[in-house]
Protein backbone atom coordinates (compact mmCIF):
# COMPACT_ATOMS: atom_id res chain seq x y z
CA UNK A 1 0.00 0.00 0.00
CA UNK A 2 1.26 3.46 -0.81
CA UNK A 3 1.72 6.25 1.70
CA UNK A 4 -1.24 8.34 0.51
CA UNK A 5 -3.53 5.28 0.58
CA UNK A 6 -2.56 4.53 4.19
CA UNK A 7 -3.04 8.19 5.11
CA UNK A 8 -6.53 8.29 3.59
CA UNK A 9 -7.45 4.98 5.21
CA UNK A 10 -6.35 6.27 8.62
CA UNK A 11 -8.20 9.55 8.07
CA UNK A 12 -11.48 7.84 7.19
CA UNK A 13 -11.15 5.35 10.06
CA UNK A 14 -10.76 8.30 12.43
CA UNK A 15 -13.75 10.10 10.86
CA UNK A 16 -16.05 7.05 11.08
CA UNK A 17 -15.09 5.98 14.61
CA UNK A 18 -14.93 9.60 15.77
CA UNK A 19 -18.47 10.14 14.52
CA UNK A 20 -19.62 7.04 16.38
CA UNK A 21 -17.98 8.22 19.61
CA UNK A 22 -19.46 11.72 19.18
CA UNK A 23 -22.94 10.25 18.63
CA UNK A 24 -22.65 8.03 21.70
CA UNK A 25 -21.51 10.94 23.86
CA UNK A 26 -24.32 13.18 22.58
CA UNK A 27 -26.94 10.49 23.21
CA UNK A 28 -25.56 9.90 26.71
CA UNK A 29 -26.02 13.60 27.55
CA UNK A 30 -29.55 13.83 26.11
CA UNK A 31 -32.45 13.69 28.56
CA UNK A 32 -35.00 11.14 27.35
CA UNK A 33 -37.90 12.92 29.06
CA UNK A 34 -37.64 16.03 26.87
CA UNK A 35 -36.90 14.49 23.47
CA UNK A 36 -38.98 12.85 20.82
CA UNK A 37 -42.25 13.74 19.15
CA UNK A 38 -44.11 14.65 22.36
CA UNK A 39 -41.16 16.13 24.22
CA UNK A 40 -42.39 17.97 27.29
CA UNK A 41 -46.01 18.38 26.13
CA UNK A 42 -48.68 18.53 28.85
CA UNK A 43 -49.92 15.13 29.95
CA UNK A 44 -46.80 13.28 28.89
CA UNK A 45 -45.07 13.15 32.27
CA UNK A 46 -44.71 9.79 34.02
CA UNK A 47 -47.46 10.40 36.57
CA UNK A 48 -50.09 11.34 33.96
CA UNK A 49 -49.20 8.41 31.73
CA UNK A 50 -49.34 5.98 34.66
CA UNK A 51 -52.80 7.26 35.64
CA UNK A 52 -54.10 6.77 32.10
CA UNK A 53 -52.51 3.33 31.86
CA UNK A 54 -53.84 2.08 35.20
CA UNK A 55 -57.34 3.44 34.60
CA UNK A 56 -57.58 1.76 31.18
CA UNK A 57 -56.30 -1.54 32.63
CA UNK A 58 -59.07 -1.51 35.28
CA UNK A 59 -61.80 -1.60 32.60
PDB file of N, CA and C in Angstrom:
ATOM      1  N   UNK A   1       0.846  -1.185   0.000  1.00  0.00           N
ATOM      2  CA  UNK A   1       0.000   0.000   0.000  1.00  0.00           C
ATOM      3  C   UNK A   1       0.889   1.244   0.000  1.00  0.00           C
ATOM      4  N   UNK A   2       0.459   2.236  -0.720  1.00  0.00           N
ATOM      5  CA  UNK A   2       1.255   3.457  -0.808  1.00  0.00           C
ATOM      6  C   UNK A   2       0.974   4.355   0.391  1.00  0.00           C
ATOM      7  N   UNK A   3       1.851   5.305   0.584  1.00  0.00           N
ATOM      8  CA  UNK A   3       1.715   6.246   1.700  1.00  0.00           C
ATOM      9  C   UNK A   3       0.406   7.021   1.687  1.00  0.00           C
ATOM     10  N   UNK A   4       0.027   7.609   0.539  1.00  0.00           N
ATOM     11  CA  UNK A   4      -1.241   8.344   0.505  1.00  0.00           C
ATOM     12  C   UNK A   4      -2.459   7.454   0.783  1.00  0.00           C
ATOM     13  N   UNK A   5      -2.406   6.196   0.330  1.00  0.00           N
ATOM     14  CA  UNK A   5      -3.527   5.285   0.583  1.00  0.00           C
ATOM     15  C   UNK A   5      -3.656   4.991   2.075  1.00  0.00           C
ATOM     16  N   UNK A   6      -2.542   4.780   2.745  1.00  0.00           N
ATOM     17  CA  UNK A   6      -2.561   4.531   4.189  1.00  0.00           C
ATOM     18  C   UNK A   6      -3.046   5.770   4.930  1.00  0.00           C
ATOM     19  N   UNK A   7      -2.605   6.935   4.485  1.00  0.00           N
ATOM     20  CA  UNK A   7      -3.036   8.187   5.111  1.00  0.00           C
ATOM     21  C   UNK A   7      -4.546   8.380   4.979  1.00  0.00           C
ATOM     22  N   UNK A   8      -5.087   8.157   3.793  1.00  0.00           N
ATOM     23  CA  UNK A   8      -6.532   8.295   3.588  1.00  0.00           C
ATOM     24  C   UNK A   8      -7.312   7.252   4.380  1.00  0.00           C
ATOM     25  N   UNK A   9      -6.789   6.022   4.434  1.00  0.00           N
ATOM     26  CA  UNK A   9      -7.455   4.980   5.210  1.00  0.00           C
ATOM     27  C   UNK A   9      -7.501   5.375   6.683  1.00  0.00           C
ATOM     28  N   UNK A  10      -6.393   5.849   7.220  1.00  0.00           N
ATOM     29  CA  UNK A  10      -6.349   6.268   8.623  1.00  0.00           C
ATOM     30  C   UNK A  10      -7.291   7.446   8.861  1.00  0.00           C
ATOM     31  N   UNK A  11      -7.326   8.387   7.937  1.00  0.00           N
ATOM     32  CA  UNK A  11      -8.203   9.548   8.074  1.00  0.00           C
ATOM     33  C   UNK A  11      -9.668   9.126   8.126  1.00  0.00           C
ATOM     34  N   UNK A  12     -10.074   8.259   7.231  1.00  0.00           N
ATOM     35  CA  UNK A  12     -11.476   7.844   7.192  1.00  0.00           C
ATOM     36  C   UNK A  12     -11.842   6.937   8.363  1.00  0.00           C
ATOM     37  N   UNK A  13     -10.893   6.141   8.852  1.00  0.00           N
ATOM     38  CA  UNK A  13     -11.155   5.353  10.059  1.00  0.00           C
ATOM     39  C   UNK A  13     -11.398   6.286  11.239  1.00  0.00           C
ATOM     40  N   UNK A  14     -10.590   7.330  11.347  1.00  0.00           N
ATOM     41  CA  UNK A  14     -10.764   8.304  12.432  1.00  0.00           C
ATOM     42  C   UNK A  14     -12.099   9.028  12.294  1.00  0.00           C
ATOM     43  N   UNK A  15     -12.480   9.396  11.080  1.00  0.00           N
ATOM     44  CA  UNK A  15     -13.752  10.098  10.860  1.00  0.00           C
ATOM     45  C   UNK A  15     -14.930   9.208  11.244  1.00  0.00           C
ATOM     46  N   UNK A  16     -14.929   7.957  10.799  1.00  0.00           N
ATOM     47  CA  UNK A  16     -16.046   7.050  11.079  1.00  0.00           C
ATOM     48  C   UNK A  16     -16.142   6.755  12.570  1.00  0.00           C
ATOM     49  N   UNK A  17     -15.052   6.314  13.190  1.00  0.00           N
ATOM     50  CA  UNK A  17     -15.086   5.975  14.611  1.00  0.00           C
ATOM     51  C   UNK A  17     -15.262   7.225  15.470  1.00  0.00           C
ATOM     52  N   UNK A  18     -14.726   8.346  15.033  1.00  0.00           N
ATOM     53  CA  UNK A  18     -14.928   9.601  15.768  1.00  0.00           C
ATOM     54  C   UNK A  18     -16.381  10.024  15.741  1.00  0.00           C
ATOM     55  N   UNK A  19     -17.042   9.832  14.603  1.00  0.00           N
ATOM     56  CA  UNK A  19     -18.470  10.135  14.517  1.00  0.00           C
ATOM     57  C   UNK A  19     -19.287   9.238  15.419  1.00  0.00           C
ATOM     58  N   UNK A  20     -18.918   7.971  15.496  1.00  0.00           N
ATOM     59  CA  UNK A  20     -19.616   7.041  16.383  1.00  0.00           C
ATOM     60  C   UNK A  20     -19.446   7.455  17.843  1.00  0.00           C
ATOM     61  N   UNK A  21     -18.235   7.790  18.229  1.00  0.00           N
ATOM     62  CA  UNK A  21     -17.977   8.223  19.608  1.00  0.00           C
ATOM     63  C   UNK A  21     -18.729   9.512  19.908  1.00  0.00           C
ATOM     64  N   UNK A  22     -18.732  10.460  18.974  1.00  0.00           N
ATOM     65  CA  UNK A  22     -19.455  11.721  19.182  1.00  0.00           C
ATOM     66  C   UNK A  22     -20.950  11.472  19.335  1.00  0.00           C
ATOM     67  N   UNK A  23     -21.511  10.569  18.529  1.00  0.00           N
ATOM     68  CA  UNK A  23     -22.937  10.254  18.626  1.00  0.00           C
ATOM     69  C   UNK A  23     -23.266   9.602  19.960  1.00  0.00           C
ATOM     70  N   UNK A  24     -22.423   8.692  20.415  1.00  0.00           N
ATOM     71  CA  UNK A  24     -22.654   8.029  21.701  1.00  0.00           C
ATOM     72  C   UNK A  24     -22.596   9.037  22.836  1.00  0.00           C
ATOM     73  N   UNK A  25     -21.615   9.933  22.803  1.00  0.00           N
ATOM     74  CA  UNK A  25     -21.505  10.940  23.860  1.00  0.00           C
ATOM     75  C   UNK A  25     -22.701  11.885  23.854  1.00  0.00           C
ATOM     76  N   UNK A  26     -23.168  12.286  22.671  1.00  0.00           N
ATOM     77  CA  UNK A  26     -24.315  13.182  22.579  1.00  0.00           C
ATOM     78  C   UNK A  26     -25.583  12.492  23.093  1.00  0.00           C
ATOM     79  N   UNK A  27     -25.768  11.230  22.738  1.00  0.00           N
ATOM     80  CA  UNK A  27     -26.936  10.486  23.212  1.00  0.00           C
ATOM     81  C   UNK A  27     -26.889  10.272  24.719  1.00  0.00           C
ATOM     82  N   UNK A  28     -25.691  10.101  25.267  1.00  0.00           N
ATOM     83  CA  UNK A  28     -25.559   9.896  26.710  1.00  0.00           C
ATOM     84  C   UNK A  28     -25.928  11.160  27.481  1.00  0.00           C
ATOM     85  N   UNK A  29     -25.696  12.338  26.883  1.00  0.00           N
ATOM     86  CA  UNK A  29     -26.015  13.602  27.554  1.00  0.00           C
ATOM     87  C   UNK A  29     -27.465  14.023  27.372  1.00  0.00           C
ATOM     88  N   UNK A  30     -28.189  13.420  26.426  1.00  0.00           N
ATOM     89  CA  UNK A  30     -29.550  13.828  26.114  1.00  0.00           C
ATOM     90  C   UNK A  30     -30.527  13.262  27.132  1.00  0.00           C
ATOM     91  N   UNK A  31     -31.427  14.114  27.607  1.00  0.00           N
ATOM     92  CA  UNK A  31     -32.449  13.689  28.557  1.00  0.00           C
ATOM     93  C   UNK A  31     -33.613  13.082  27.789  1.00  0.00           C
ATOM     94  N   UNK A  32     -33.939  11.834  28.072  1.00  0.00           N
ATOM     95  CA  UNK A  32     -35.001  11.142  27.346  1.00  0.00           C
ATOM     96  C   UNK A  32     -36.372  11.759  27.583  1.00  0.00           C
ATOM     97  N   UNK A  33     -36.577  12.396  28.724  1.00  0.00           N
ATOM     98  CA  UNK A  33     -37.901  12.919  29.061  1.00  0.00           C
ATOM     99  C   UNK A  33     -38.285  14.130  28.210  1.00  0.00           C
ATOM    100  N   UNK A  34     -37.325  14.813  27.621  1.00  0.00           N
ATOM    101  CA  UNK A  34     -37.638  16.028  26.872  1.00  0.00           C
ATOM    102  C   UNK A  34     -37.391  15.884  25.374  1.00  0.00           C
ATOM    103  N   UNK A  35     -37.140  14.678  24.897  1.00  0.00           N
ATOM    104  CA  UNK A  35     -36.895  14.488  23.472  1.00  0.00           C
ATOM    105  C   UNK A  35     -38.015  13.691  22.836  1.00  0.00           C
ATOM    106  N   UNK A  36     -37.982  13.628  21.539  1.00  0.00           N
ATOM    107  CA  UNK A  36     -38.977  12.851  20.815  1.00  0.00           C
ATOM    108  C   UNK A  36     -40.116  13.705  20.306  1.00  0.00           C
ATOM    109  N   UNK A  37     -41.127  13.052  19.774  1.00  0.00           N
ATOM    110  CA  UNK A  37     -42.250  13.744  19.149  1.00  0.00           C
ATOM    111  C   UNK A  37     -43.063  14.537  20.170  1.00  0.00           C
ATOM    112  N   UNK A  38     -43.306  13.963  21.345  1.00  0.00           N
ATOM    113  CA  UNK A  38     -44.107  14.647  22.357  1.00  0.00           C
ATOM    114  C   UNK A  38     -43.279  15.600  23.204  1.00  0.00           C
ATOM    115  N   UNK A  39     -42.026  15.270  23.439  1.00  0.00           N
ATOM    116  CA  UNK A  39     -41.162  16.134  24.222  1.00  0.00           C
ATOM    117  C   UNK A  39     -41.707  16.372  25.604  1.00  0.00           C
ATOM    118  N   UNK A  40     -41.880  17.631  25.962  1.00  0.00           N
ATOM    119  CA  UNK A  40     -42.387  17.970  27.291  1.00  0.00           C
ATOM    120  C   UNK A  40     -43.815  18.493  27.203  1.00  0.00           C
ATOM    121  N   UNK A  41     -44.620  17.957  26.294  1.00  0.00           N
ATOM    122  CA  UNK A  41     -46.011  18.378  26.128  1.00  0.00           C
ATOM    123  C   UNK A  41     -46.813  18.034  27.384  1.00  0.00           C
ATOM    124  N   UNK A  42     -47.856  18.816  27.673  1.00  0.00           N
ATOM    125  CA  UNK A  42     -48.680  18.532  28.851  1.00  0.00           C
ATOM    126  C   UNK A  42     -49.297  17.136  28.766  1.00  0.00           C
ATOM    127  N   UNK A  43     -49.332  16.446  29.897  1.00  0.00           N
ATOM    128  CA  UNK A  43     -49.924  15.125  29.954  1.00  0.00           C
ATOM    129  C   UNK A  43     -48.999  14.004  29.547  1.00  0.00           C
ATOM    130  N   UNK A  44     -47.732  14.326  29.293  1.00  0.00           N
ATOM    131  CA  UNK A  44     -46.796  13.280  28.889  1.00  0.00           C
ATOM    132  C   UNK A  44     -45.772  12.974  29.971  1.00  0.00           C
ATOM    133  N   UNK A  45     -45.975  13.490  31.181  1.00  0.00           N
ATOM    134  CA  UNK A  45     -45.068  13.153  32.270  1.00  0.00           C
ATOM    135  C   UNK A  45     -45.415  11.754  32.792  1.00  0.00           C
ATOM    136  N   UNK A  46     -44.525  11.173  33.562  1.00  0.00           N
ATOM    137  CA  UNK A  46     -44.706   9.792  34.016  1.00  0.00           C
ATOM    138  C   UNK A  46     -45.981   9.606  34.824  1.00  0.00           C
ATOM    139  N   UNK A  47     -46.288  10.552  35.710  1.00  0.00           N
ATOM    140  CA  UNK A  47     -47.462  10.402  36.568  1.00  0.00           C
ATOM    141  C   UNK A  47     -48.754  10.387  35.746  1.00  0.00           C
ATOM    142  N   UNK A  48     -48.885  11.291  34.794  1.00  0.00           N
ATOM    143  CA  UNK A  48     -50.089  11.345  33.958  1.00  0.00           C
ATOM    144  C   UNK A  48     -50.237  10.081  33.124  1.00  0.00           C
ATOM    145  N   UNK A  49     -49.141   9.611  32.559  1.00  0.00           N
ATOM    146  CA  UNK A  49     -49.200   8.409  31.733  1.00  0.00           C
ATOM    147  C   UNK A  49     -49.522   7.171  32.565  1.00  0.00           C
ATOM    148  N   UNK A  50     -49.017   7.118  33.787  1.00  0.00           N
ATOM    149  CA  UNK A  50     -49.338   5.981  34.655  1.00  0.00           C
ATOM    150  C   UNK A  50     -50.809   5.982  35.042  1.00  0.00           C
ATOM    151  N   UNK A  51     -51.380   7.175  35.289  1.00  0.00           N
ATOM    152  CA  UNK A  51     -52.799   7.259  35.637  1.00  0.00           C
ATOM    153  C   UNK A  51     -53.659   6.770  34.475  1.00  0.00           C
ATOM    154  N   UNK A  52     -53.333   7.183  33.275  1.00  0.00           N
ATOM    155  CA  UNK A  52     -54.098   6.766  32.097  1.00  0.00           C
ATOM    156  C   UNK A  52     -53.961   5.263  31.899  1.00  0.00           C
ATOM    157  N   UNK A  53     -52.755   4.752  32.066  1.00  0.00           N
ATOM    158  CA  UNK A  53     -52.506   3.327  31.855  1.00  0.00           C
ATOM    159  C   UNK A  53     -53.224   2.473  32.899  1.00  0.00           C
ATOM    160  N   UNK A  54     -53.200   2.882  34.157  1.00  0.00           N
ATOM    161  CA  UNK A  54     -53.840   2.075  35.196  1.00  0.00           C
ATOM    162  C   UNK A  54     -55.353   2.174  35.119  1.00  0.00           C
ATOM    163  N   UNK A  55     -55.889   3.324  34.699  1.00  0.00           N
ATOM    164  CA  UNK A  55     -57.343   3.442  34.597  1.00  0.00           C
ATOM    165  C   UNK A  55     -57.879   2.643  33.409  1.00  0.00           C
ATOM    166  N   UNK A  56     -57.118   2.543  32.331  1.00  0.00           N
ATOM    167  CA  UNK A  56     -57.581   1.759  31.183  1.00  0.00           C
ATOM    168  C   UNK A  56     -57.425   0.262  31.450  1.00  0.00           C
ATOM    169  N   UNK A  57     -56.492  -0.123  32.306  1.00  0.00           N
ATOM    170  CA  UNK A  57     -56.300  -1.536  32.630  1.00  0.00           C
ATOM    171  C   UNK A  57     -57.396  -2.036  33.566  1.00  0.00           C
ATOM    172  N   UNK A  58     -58.031  -1.123  34.328  1.00  0.00           N
ATOM    173  CA  UNK A  58     -59.068  -1.513  35.282  1.00  0.00           C
ATOM    174  C   UNK A  58     -60.393  -1.795  34.584  1.00  0.00           C
ATOM    175  N   UNK A  59     -60.527  -1.413  33.325  1.00  0.00           N
ATOM    176  CA  UNK A  59     -61.796  -1.602  32.601  1.00  0.00           C
ATOM    177  C   UNK A  59     -62.104  -3.032  32.340  1.00  0.00           C
TER     178      UNK A  59
END
